[in-house]
Structure formats: structure tokens, C-alpha cells
Amino acid sequence: FSVASFCSKQTVMKELLFIICFLFSSSAFAQQSADEAELRRLKTIDWPRAYREGDTALLARILADEFQLIDAAGEVSDKKAELAYIQKHKPTYTFFVYTINRLDVFENGTAVVAGIGLMKGSDSKGPYQISYHSSNVLIKRAGRWQAIASHVSGVKRE
């Protein structure tokens, strides 16, 4: 038994443990970054596109079957109602942007995306600018993020 040999083995083991921990945390960080990027694209590009273009196939992929929306008036709708709505209603806005203020991805495959939407356009009442707050809960199933709940509040028309 050699003290130097024992200490050397301990040092090697510590270095290996450090490398394993580093690789694991780097992998987890990379996955979270990929999830965050996917969620940002979904909420700021794909979801608005589905409503703007009346794309029911795209919206059907975004919304989980058990999706539920609570609007600013407290009315509840589901996936079927949202798909029917975008088929019948063409948007009157010419500008839309959604700014994410909160994006949290949890280790159980759940995410919260919240922010402020801003629309500008013109309708039968004339030119308008509408802002609103929304909170969205999404889950990851079979490698794909889907919305299960949304809540809209603070709608202001100017």
C-alpha cells in the first residue's frame, strides 16, 4: 500500500467524477436551451401564424386534445372551439407581436410561457391597437410541445 498511489487514485476519481458531472449538466443545459428555443418559436411564430392564416392543421398540432382557454371575459373554450373559430374568422389585424416575459421549463416536461401580445389593425369600429396578457402551460409529449391551457387577461383596446 502506497499513500502516493492512493492519493493519485483519489485524484483521478475526483477528476472523472467532475468530468461526468460536467458532461451531464452540459447535456441538460443544451436540452433546456433547445426546449426554450422551440417554445419561443412556437409562441412567437407558429401559434400566431396559425391564427393569422387560419391554419387549422398547424393549430391542431400546437393544442393538445385537452386544451382549454379562459379568455378575458372568463369564457372557456377548448381545442375544437378554437379550430372552428380560426376557420370562420379572418383576422383584421395587420401587425402582431408576442413578447415573452416568462419562460420556464420544468424537469417534468412542463413549461410556462407568459407575455404580452400586441395587435394593430382596422375593423368596423376603425383603426385599433389591442394589447393583452396571456399565460400558457405546455407539456412535452413524444418529443413535441403542446399547449394544454391558456389564460388571457388585461385586454386593452386603443
N, C-alpha and C. Protein backbone atom coordinates (compact mmCIF):
# COMPACT_ATOMS: atom_id res chain seq x y z
N PHE A 1 0.84 -1.18 0.00
CA PHE A 1 0.00 0.00 0.00
C PHE A 1 0.88 1.23 0.00
N SER A 2 0.62 2.13 -0.91
CA SER A 2 1.39 3.36 -1.02
C SER A 2 0.44 4.54 -0.87
N VAL A 3 0.79 5.49 -0.01
CA VAL A 3 -0.02 6.68 0.18
C VAL A 3 -0.09 7.49 -1.11
N ALA A 4 1.04 7.59 -1.81
CA ALA A 4 1.07 8.35 -3.06
C ALA A 4 0.15 7.72 -4.10
N SER A 5 0.17 6.38 -4.17
CA SER A 5 -0.69 5.68 -5.12
C SER A 5 -2.16 5.89 -4.78
N PHE A 6 -2.50 5.81 -3.48
CA PHE A 6 -3.87 6.02 -3.03
C PHE A 6 -4.35 7.43 -3.36
N CYS A 7 -3.51 8.42 -3.07
CA CYS A 7 -3.86 9.81 -3.34
C CYS A 7 -4.02 10.06 -4.84
N SER A 8 -3.16 9.41 -5.63
CA SER A 8 -3.24 9.56 -7.07
C SER A 8 -4.55 8.98 -7.59
N LYS A 9 -4.96 7.82 -7.06
CA LYS A 9 -6.22 7.20 -7.48
C LYS A 9 -7.40 8.07 -7.06
N GLN A 10 -7.31 8.67 -5.89
CA GLN A 10 -8.39 9.56 -5.43
C GLN A 10 -8.51 10.78 -6.35
N THR A 11 -7.38 11.32 -6.75
CA THR A 11 -7.37 12.48 -7.63
C THR A 11 -8.00 12.13 -8.98
N VAL A 12 -7.62 10.97 -9.52
CA VAL A 12 -8.18 10.53 -10.80
C VAL A 12 -9.68 10.34 -10.68
N MET A 13 -10.14 9.73 -9.60
CA MET A 13 -11.57 9.51 -9.38
C MET A 13 -12.32 10.84 -9.27
N LYS A 14 -11.75 11.81 -8.57
CA LYS A 14 -12.37 13.12 -8.45
C LYS A 14 -12.47 13.80 -9.81
N GLU A 15 -11.39 13.68 -10.60
CA GLU A 15 -11.41 14.29 -11.93
C GLU A 15 -12.46 13.62 -12.82
N LEU A 16 -12.55 12.29 -12.76
CA LEU A 16 -13.56 11.59 -13.55
C LEU A 16 -14.97 11.99 -13.11
N LEU A 17 -15.19 12.07 -11.81
CA LEU A 17 -16.49 12.48 -11.30
C LEU A 17 -16.83 13.89 -11.76
N PHE A 18 -15.86 14.78 -11.73
CA PHE A 18 -16.08 16.14 -12.21
C PHE A 18 -16.45 16.16 -13.69
N ILE A 19 -15.72 15.38 -14.49
CA ILE A 19 -15.99 15.34 -15.94
C ILE A 19 -17.38 14.78 -16.21
N ILE A 20 -17.77 13.73 -15.50
CA ILE A 20 -19.10 13.14 -15.68
C ILE A 20 -20.17 14.14 -15.30
N CYS A 21 -19.99 14.81 -14.17
CA CYS A 21 -20.97 15.82 -13.75
C CYS A 21 -21.05 16.96 -14.76
N PHE A 22 -19.90 17.39 -15.26
CA PHE A 22 -19.87 18.48 -16.24
C PHE A 22 -20.61 18.08 -17.52
N LEU A 23 -20.33 16.88 -18.02
CA LEU A 23 -20.99 16.41 -19.24
C LEU A 23 -22.49 16.29 -19.04
N PHE A 24 -22.91 15.77 -17.90
CA PHE A 24 -24.33 15.62 -17.62
C PHE A 24 -25.01 16.98 -17.55
N SER A 25 -24.40 17.92 -16.84
CA SER A 25 -25.02 19.24 -16.72
C SER A 25 -25.00 19.97 -18.07
N SER A 26 -23.97 19.79 -18.87
CA SER A 26 -23.92 20.41 -20.20
C SER A 26 -25.01 19.87 -21.08
N SER A 27 -25.23 18.56 -21.01
CA SER A 27 -26.28 17.93 -21.80
C SER A 27 -27.66 18.43 -21.37
N ALA A 28 -27.89 18.52 -20.06
CA ALA A 28 -29.18 19.00 -19.54
C ALA A 28 -29.38 20.46 -19.94
N PHE A 29 -28.32 21.27 -19.87
CA PHE A 29 -28.41 22.68 -20.25
C PHE A 29 -28.71 22.80 -21.74
N ALA A 30 -28.05 21.99 -22.56
CA ALA A 30 -28.28 22.03 -24.01
C ALA A 30 -29.73 21.66 -24.32
N GLN A 31 -30.27 20.65 -23.63
CA GLN A 31 -31.66 20.25 -23.86
C GLN A 31 -32.60 21.36 -23.44
N GLN A 32 -32.33 21.99 -22.30
CA GLN A 32 -33.21 23.08 -21.86
C GLN A 32 -33.14 24.24 -22.85
N SER A 33 -31.94 24.54 -23.35
CA SER A 33 -31.82 25.62 -24.35
C SER A 33 -32.58 25.28 -25.61
N ALA A 34 -32.53 24.02 -26.04
CA ALA A 34 -33.28 23.60 -27.23
C ALA A 34 -34.78 23.70 -26.97
N ASP A 35 -35.23 23.29 -25.78
CA ASP A 35 -36.64 23.40 -25.43
C ASP A 35 -37.08 24.86 -25.40
N GLU A 36 -36.27 25.72 -24.80
CA GLU A 36 -36.61 27.14 -24.75
C GLU A 36 -36.71 27.73 -26.15
N ALA A 37 -35.79 27.39 -27.02
CA ALA A 37 -35.82 27.89 -28.40
C ALA A 37 -37.07 27.40 -29.12
N GLU A 38 -37.41 26.13 -28.92
CA GLU A 38 -38.61 25.57 -29.55
C GLU A 38 -39.87 26.25 -29.02
N LEU A 39 -39.93 26.49 -27.72
CA LEU A 39 -41.09 27.15 -27.12
C LEU A 39 -41.21 28.60 -27.61
N ARG A 40 -40.10 29.30 -27.72
CA ARG A 40 -40.12 30.67 -28.24
C ARG A 40 -40.65 30.71 -29.68
N ARG A 41 -40.16 29.78 -30.50
CA ARG A 41 -40.63 29.71 -31.89
C ARG A 41 -42.12 29.40 -31.94
N LEU A 42 -42.54 28.43 -31.12
CA LEU A 42 -43.94 28.04 -31.10
C LEU A 42 -44.84 29.21 -30.72
N LYS A 43 -44.46 29.95 -29.67
CA LYS A 43 -45.34 31.01 -29.15
C LYS A 43 -45.25 32.31 -29.96
N THR A 44 -44.10 32.61 -30.52
CA THR A 44 -43.95 33.89 -31.23
C THR A 44 -44.10 33.78 -32.74
N ILE A 45 -43.99 32.57 -33.30
CA ILE A 45 -44.06 32.42 -34.76
C ILE A 45 -45.21 31.48 -35.17
N ASP A 46 -45.15 30.23 -34.71
CA ASP A 46 -46.11 29.23 -35.20
C ASP A 46 -47.55 29.50 -34.75
N TRP A 47 -47.73 29.74 -33.47
CA TRP A 47 -49.09 29.95 -32.94
C TRP A 47 -49.74 31.17 -33.59
N PRO A 48 -49.04 32.33 -33.65
CA PRO A 48 -49.64 33.48 -34.35
C PRO A 48 -49.92 33.19 -35.83
N ARG A 49 -49.03 32.44 -36.49
CA ARG A 49 -49.24 32.10 -37.90
C ARG A 49 -50.53 31.29 -38.08
N ALA A 50 -50.77 30.34 -37.17
CA ALA A 50 -51.97 29.52 -37.27
C ALA A 50 -53.23 30.39 -37.24
N TYR A 51 -53.26 31.37 -36.33
CA TYR A 51 -54.43 32.26 -36.24
C TYR A 51 -54.50 33.21 -37.43
N ARG A 52 -53.36 33.78 -37.82
CA ARG A 52 -53.33 34.74 -38.93
C ARG A 52 -53.76 34.10 -40.24
N GLU A 53 -53.30 32.86 -40.49
CA GLU A 53 -53.57 32.20 -41.76
C GLU A 53 -54.76 31.24 -41.71
N GLY A 54 -55.37 31.10 -40.53
CA GLY A 54 -56.48 30.16 -40.40
C GLY A 54 -56.04 28.72 -40.61
N ASP A 55 -54.82 28.42 -40.22
CA ASP A 55 -54.21 27.10 -40.44
C ASP A 55 -54.62 26.13 -39.33
N THR A 56 -55.72 25.41 -39.58
CA THR A 56 -56.24 24.50 -38.55
C THR A 56 -55.30 23.32 -38.32
N ALA A 57 -54.58 22.87 -39.33
CA ALA A 57 -53.64 21.75 -39.14
C ALA A 57 -52.51 22.16 -38.19
N LEU A 58 -51.99 23.36 -38.38
CA LEU A 58 -50.92 23.84 -37.51
C LEU A 58 -51.43 24.03 -36.09
N LEU A 59 -52.59 24.65 -35.94
CA LEU A 59 -53.14 24.88 -34.60
C LEU A 59 -53.47 23.55 -33.92
N ALA A 60 -53.93 22.58 -34.68
CA ALA A 60 -54.24 21.26 -34.12
C ALA A 60 -52.99 20.58 -33.56
N ARG A 61 -51.83 20.84 -34.18
CA ARG A 61 -50.57 20.28 -33.66
C ARG A 61 -50.11 21.02 -32.40
N ILE A 62 -50.40 22.31 -32.32
CA ILE A 62 -49.97 23.12 -31.18
C ILE A 62 -50.82 22.83 -29.94
N LEU A 63 -52.12 22.69 -30.12
CA LEU A 63 -53.03 22.49 -28.99
C LEU A 63 -53.20 21.01 -28.69
N ALA A 64 -53.02 20.63 -27.43
CA ALA A 64 -53.27 19.25 -27.00
C ALA A 64 -54.78 19.01 -27.02
N ASP A 65 -55.16 17.75 -27.09
CA ASP A 65 -56.59 17.43 -27.14
C ASP A 65 -57.35 17.97 -25.94
N GLU A 66 -56.70 18.03 -24.78
CA GLU A 66 -57.37 18.52 -23.57
C GLU A 66 -57.19 20.03 -23.35
N PHE A 67 -56.73 20.74 -24.38
CA PHE A 67 -56.51 22.19 -24.28
C PHE A 67 -57.76 22.92 -23.82
N GLN A 68 -57.53 23.92 -22.99
CA GLN A 68 -58.61 24.78 -22.52
C GLN A 68 -58.11 26.22 -22.47
N LEU A 69 -58.91 27.13 -22.99
CA LEU A 69 -58.61 28.56 -22.98
C LEU A 69 -59.63 29.26 -22.11
N ILE A 70 -59.16 30.12 -21.24
CA ILE A 70 -60.04 31.02 -20.49
C ILE A 70 -59.72 32.42 -21.01
N ASP A 71 -60.72 33.05 -21.62
CA ASP A 71 -60.48 34.37 -22.20
C ASP A 71 -60.68 35.48 -21.17
N ALA A 72 -60.49 36.71 -21.61
CA ALA A 72 -60.55 37.86 -20.70
C ALA A 72 -61.92 38.03 -20.06
N ALA A 73 -62.97 37.53 -20.70
CA ALA A 73 -64.32 37.63 -20.13
C ALA A 73 -64.65 36.45 -19.23
N GLY A 74 -63.70 35.53 -19.07
CA GLY A 74 -63.94 34.36 -18.24
C GLY A 74 -64.61 33.22 -18.97
N GLU A 75 -64.80 33.38 -20.28
CA GLU A 75 -65.41 32.32 -21.08
C GLU A 75 -64.37 31.22 -21.34
N VAL A 76 -64.83 29.98 -21.33
CA VAL A 76 -63.95 28.84 -21.53
C VAL A 76 -64.20 28.24 -22.91
N SER A 77 -63.12 27.95 -23.62
CA SER A 77 -63.25 27.23 -24.89
C SER A 77 -62.21 26.12 -24.92
N ASP A 78 -62.37 25.22 -25.88
CA ASP A 78 -61.46 24.09 -25.97
C ASP A 78 -60.83 24.04 -27.36
N LYS A 79 -60.10 22.99 -27.63
CA LYS A 79 -59.40 22.85 -28.91
C LYS A 79 -60.38 22.89 -30.08
N LYS A 80 -61.44 22.15 -29.98
CA LYS A 80 -62.43 22.09 -31.05
C LYS A 80 -62.99 23.48 -31.36
N ALA A 81 -63.30 24.25 -30.32
CA ALA A 81 -63.85 25.60 -30.49
C ALA A 81 -62.82 26.53 -31.12
N GLU A 82 -61.56 26.41 -30.73
CA GLU A 82 -60.52 27.27 -31.30
C GLU A 82 -60.31 26.96 -32.77
N LEU A 83 -60.33 25.69 -33.12
CA LEU A 83 -60.16 25.31 -34.53
C LEU A 83 -61.34 25.83 -35.36
N ALA A 84 -62.54 25.72 -34.83
CA ALA A 84 -63.72 26.24 -35.54
C ALA A 84 -63.63 27.76 -35.67
N TYR A 85 -63.15 28.43 -34.63
CA TYR A 85 -63.05 29.89 -34.64
C TYR A 85 -62.12 30.37 -35.75
N ILE A 86 -60.94 29.77 -35.87
CA ILE A 86 -60.00 30.28 -36.87
C ILE A 86 -60.44 29.95 -38.29
N GLN A 87 -61.29 28.94 -38.44
CA GLN A 87 -61.84 28.64 -39.77
C GLN A 87 -62.84 29.70 -40.21
N LYS A 88 -63.60 30.23 -39.26
CA LYS A 88 -64.68 31.16 -39.58
C LYS A 88 -64.28 32.63 -39.52
N HIS A 89 -63.23 32.97 -38.76
CA HIS A 89 -62.88 34.37 -38.53
C HIS A 89 -61.50 34.70 -39.09
N LYS A 90 -61.49 35.55 -40.08
CA LYS A 90 -60.23 36.05 -40.60
C LYS A 90 -59.81 37.24 -39.75
N PRO A 91 -58.55 37.29 -39.36
CA PRO A 91 -58.12 38.41 -38.52
C PRO A 91 -58.15 39.74 -39.27
N THR A 92 -58.41 40.81 -38.52
CA THR A 92 -58.42 42.15 -39.11
C THR A 92 -57.12 42.90 -38.81
N TYR A 93 -56.26 42.29 -38.02
CA TYR A 93 -55.01 42.96 -37.69
C TYR A 93 -54.00 42.81 -38.84
N THR A 94 -53.15 43.81 -38.93
CA THR A 94 -52.09 43.79 -39.94
C THR A 94 -50.72 43.67 -39.29
N PHE A 95 -50.71 43.78 -37.98
CA PHE A 95 -49.46 43.69 -37.22
C PHE A 95 -49.75 42.90 -35.95
N PHE A 96 -48.84 41.98 -35.62
CA PHE A 96 -48.96 41.23 -34.36
C PHE A 96 -47.56 40.88 -33.87
N VAL A 97 -47.35 41.06 -32.58
CA VAL A 97 -46.10 40.62 -31.96
C VAL A 97 -46.43 40.13 -30.56
N TYR A 98 -45.76 39.04 -30.18
CA TYR A 98 -45.92 38.50 -28.83
C TYR A 98 -44.56 38.56 -28.15
N THR A 99 -44.52 39.26 -27.02
CA THR A 99 -43.28 39.41 -26.27
C THR A 99 -43.33 38.50 -25.05
N ILE A 100 -42.39 37.58 -24.97
CA ILE A 100 -42.33 36.64 -23.85
C ILE A 100 -41.66 37.31 -22.66
N ASN A 101 -42.36 37.33 -21.53
CA ASN A 101 -41.80 37.87 -20.29
C ASN A 101 -41.38 36.77 -19.32
N ARG A 102 -41.95 35.60 -19.50
CA ARG A 102 -41.61 34.47 -18.64
C ARG A 102 -41.59 33.20 -19.48
N LEU A 103 -40.50 32.45 -19.35
CA LEU A 103 -40.41 31.16 -20.00
C LEU A 103 -39.67 30.23 -19.04
N ASP A 104 -40.40 29.31 -18.45
CA ASP A 104 -39.81 28.35 -17.52
C ASP A 104 -40.06 26.94 -18.03
N VAL A 105 -39.00 26.16 -18.11
CA VAL A 105 -39.10 24.75 -18.48
C VAL A 105 -38.79 23.94 -17.24
N PHE A 106 -39.70 23.06 -16.89
CA PHE A 106 -39.53 22.25 -15.68
C PHE A 106 -39.11 20.84 -16.04
N GLU A 107 -38.42 20.18 -15.11
CA GLU A 107 -37.86 18.87 -15.35
C GLU A 107 -38.90 17.78 -15.61
N ASN A 108 -40.15 18.04 -15.33
CA ASN A 108 -41.19 17.04 -15.55
C ASN A 108 -41.85 17.17 -16.93
N GLY A 109 -41.23 17.94 -17.83
CA GLY A 109 -41.78 18.08 -19.18
C GLY A 109 -42.92 19.07 -19.28
N THR A 110 -42.94 20.03 -18.37
CA THR A 110 -43.95 21.07 -18.36
C THR A 110 -43.26 22.42 -18.56
N ALA A 111 -43.92 23.33 -19.23
CA ALA A 111 -43.37 24.68 -19.42
C ALA A 111 -44.47 25.72 -19.22
N VAL A 112 -44.05 26.89 -18.76
CA VAL A 112 -44.93 28.04 -18.64
C VAL A 112 -44.36 29.13 -19.54
N VAL A 113 -45.21 29.65 -20.41
CA VAL A 113 -44.83 30.76 -21.28
C VAL A 113 -45.86 31.86 -21.07
N ALA A 114 -45.39 33.02 -20.67
CA ALA A 114 -46.30 34.15 -20.42
C ALA A 114 -45.72 35.40 -21.06
N GLY A 115 -46.62 36.29 -21.45
CA GLY A 115 -46.14 37.52 -22.05
C GLY A 115 -47.28 38.43 -22.46
N ILE A 116 -46.94 39.35 -23.36
CA ILE A 116 -47.87 40.37 -23.81
C ILE A 116 -47.99 40.31 -25.33
N GLY A 117 -49.24 40.27 -25.81
CA GLY A 117 -49.50 40.33 -27.24
C GLY A 117 -49.92 41.73 -27.63
N LEU A 118 -49.52 42.15 -28.81
CA LEU A 118 -49.89 43.47 -29.34
C LEU A 118 -50.34 43.31 -30.79
N MET A 119 -51.55 43.78 -31.07
CA MET A 119 -52.11 43.72 -32.42
C MET A 119 -52.49 45.12 -32.87
N LYS A 120 -52.28 45.38 -34.15
CA LYS A 120 -52.72 46.64 -34.74
C LYS A 120 -53.46 46.31 -36.03
N GLY A 121 -54.54 47.03 -36.26
CA GLY A 121 -55.31 46.79 -37.46
C GLY A 121 -56.47 47.74 -37.58
N SER A 122 -57.44 47.31 -38.36
CA SER A 122 -58.63 48.11 -38.57
C SER A 122 -59.81 47.18 -38.75
N ASP A 123 -60.94 47.54 -38.12
CA ASP A 123 -62.16 46.75 -38.25
C ASP A 123 -63.36 47.69 -38.41
N SER A 124 -64.55 47.19 -38.21
CA SER A 124 -65.76 48.01 -38.40
C SER A 124 -65.81 49.21 -37.46
N LYS A 125 -65.08 49.18 -36.37
CA LYS A 125 -65.02 50.30 -35.42
C LYS A 125 -63.90 51.28 -35.76
N GLY A 126 -63.09 50.94 -36.75
CA GLY A 126 -61.99 51.81 -37.15
C GLY A 126 -60.64 51.23 -36.76
N PRO A 127 -59.59 52.05 -36.89
CA PRO A 127 -58.25 51.59 -36.54
C PRO A 127 -58.17 51.24 -35.05
N TYR A 128 -57.35 50.26 -34.73
CA TYR A 128 -57.21 49.86 -33.33
C TYR A 128 -55.80 49.37 -33.03
N GLN A 129 -55.54 49.37 -31.76
CA GLN A 129 -54.35 48.72 -31.20
C GLN A 129 -54.84 47.99 -29.96
N ILE A 130 -54.61 46.70 -29.90
CA ILE A 130 -55.05 45.88 -28.77
C ILE A 130 -53.84 45.22 -28.13
N SER A 131 -53.79 45.32 -26.82
CA SER A 131 -52.75 44.59 -26.08
C SER A 131 -53.44 43.67 -25.07
N TYR A 132 -52.77 42.60 -24.74
CA TYR A 132 -53.31 41.66 -23.76
C TYR A 132 -52.17 40.88 -23.11
N HIS A 133 -52.46 40.31 -21.98
CA HIS A 133 -51.52 39.42 -21.29
C HIS A 133 -52.02 37.99 -21.48
N SER A 134 -51.09 37.05 -21.60
CA SER A 134 -51.51 35.65 -21.63
C SER A 134 -50.49 34.79 -20.90
N SER A 135 -51.02 33.74 -20.31
CA SER A 135 -50.21 32.71 -19.65
C SER A 135 -50.56 31.39 -20.30
N ASN A 136 -49.55 30.60 -20.59
CA ASN A 136 -49.76 29.35 -21.30
C ASN A 136 -48.99 28.23 -20.62
N VAL A 137 -49.63 27.09 -20.47
CA VAL A 137 -48.98 25.91 -19.91
C VAL A 137 -48.88 24.89 -21.04
N LEU A 138 -47.66 24.38 -21.23
CA LEU A 138 -47.41 23.40 -22.28
C LEU A 138 -46.77 22.16 -21.69
N ILE A 139 -46.99 21.03 -22.35
CA ILE A 139 -46.35 19.78 -21.93
C ILE A 139 -45.64 19.19 -23.14
N LYS A 140 -44.61 18.43 -22.85
CA LYS A 140 -43.85 17.78 -23.92
C LYS A 140 -44.26 16.32 -23.99
N ARG A 141 -44.82 15.95 -25.14
CA ARG A 141 -45.26 14.57 -25.38
C ARG A 141 -44.61 14.09 -26.67
N ALA A 142 -44.05 12.90 -26.59
CA ALA A 142 -43.43 12.29 -27.78
C ALA A 142 -42.49 13.28 -28.48
N GLY A 143 -41.74 14.04 -27.67
CA GLY A 143 -40.76 14.97 -28.22
C GLY A 143 -41.32 16.27 -28.76
N ARG A 144 -42.61 16.54 -28.56
CA ARG A 144 -43.24 17.75 -29.12
C ARG A 144 -43.98 18.51 -28.03
N TRP A 145 -43.81 19.84 -28.01
CA TRP A 145 -44.50 20.69 -27.06
C TRP A 145 -45.92 20.96 -27.54
N GLN A 146 -46.89 20.85 -26.61
CA GLN A 146 -48.28 21.17 -26.92
C GLN A 146 -48.88 21.96 -25.77
N ALA A 147 -49.74 22.91 -26.12
CA ALA A 147 -50.42 23.73 -25.12
C ALA A 147 -51.58 22.96 -24.52
N ILE A 148 -51.68 22.99 -23.18
CA ILE A 148 -52.83 22.36 -22.52
C ILE A 148 -53.74 23.40 -21.87
N ALA A 149 -53.20 24.61 -21.62
CA ALA A 149 -54.02 25.65 -21.01
C ALA A 149 -53.49 27.03 -21.39
N SER A 150 -54.42 27.95 -21.60
CA SER A 150 -54.08 29.35 -21.85
C SER A 150 -55.08 30.22 -21.12
N HIS A 151 -54.59 31.36 -20.66
CA HIS A 151 -55.45 32.33 -19.99
C HIS A 151 -55.10 33.71 -20.53
N VAL A 152 -56.12 34.43 -20.94
CA VAL A 152 -55.93 35.78 -21.47
C VAL A 152 -56.57 36.77 -20.52
N SER A 153 -55.89 37.88 -20.24
CA SER A 153 -56.45 38.92 -19.37
C SER A 153 -55.86 40.27 -19.75
N GLY A 154 -56.41 41.30 -19.13
CA GLY A 154 -55.89 42.65 -19.33
C GLY A 154 -55.98 43.16 -20.76
N VAL A 155 -57.02 42.79 -21.46
CA VAL A 155 -57.19 43.23 -22.85
C VAL A 155 -57.52 44.72 -22.86
N LYS A 156 -56.73 45.47 -23.63
CA LYS A 156 -56.95 46.92 -23.76
C LYS A 156 -57.00 47.29 -25.24
N ARG A 157 -58.05 47.97 -25.61
CA ARG A 157 -58.18 48.46 -26.98
C ARG A 157 -58.02 49.97 -26.99
N GLU A 158 -57.19 50.43 -27.87
CA GLU A 158 -56.97 51.89 -28.02
C GLU A 158 -57.32 52.30 -29.42
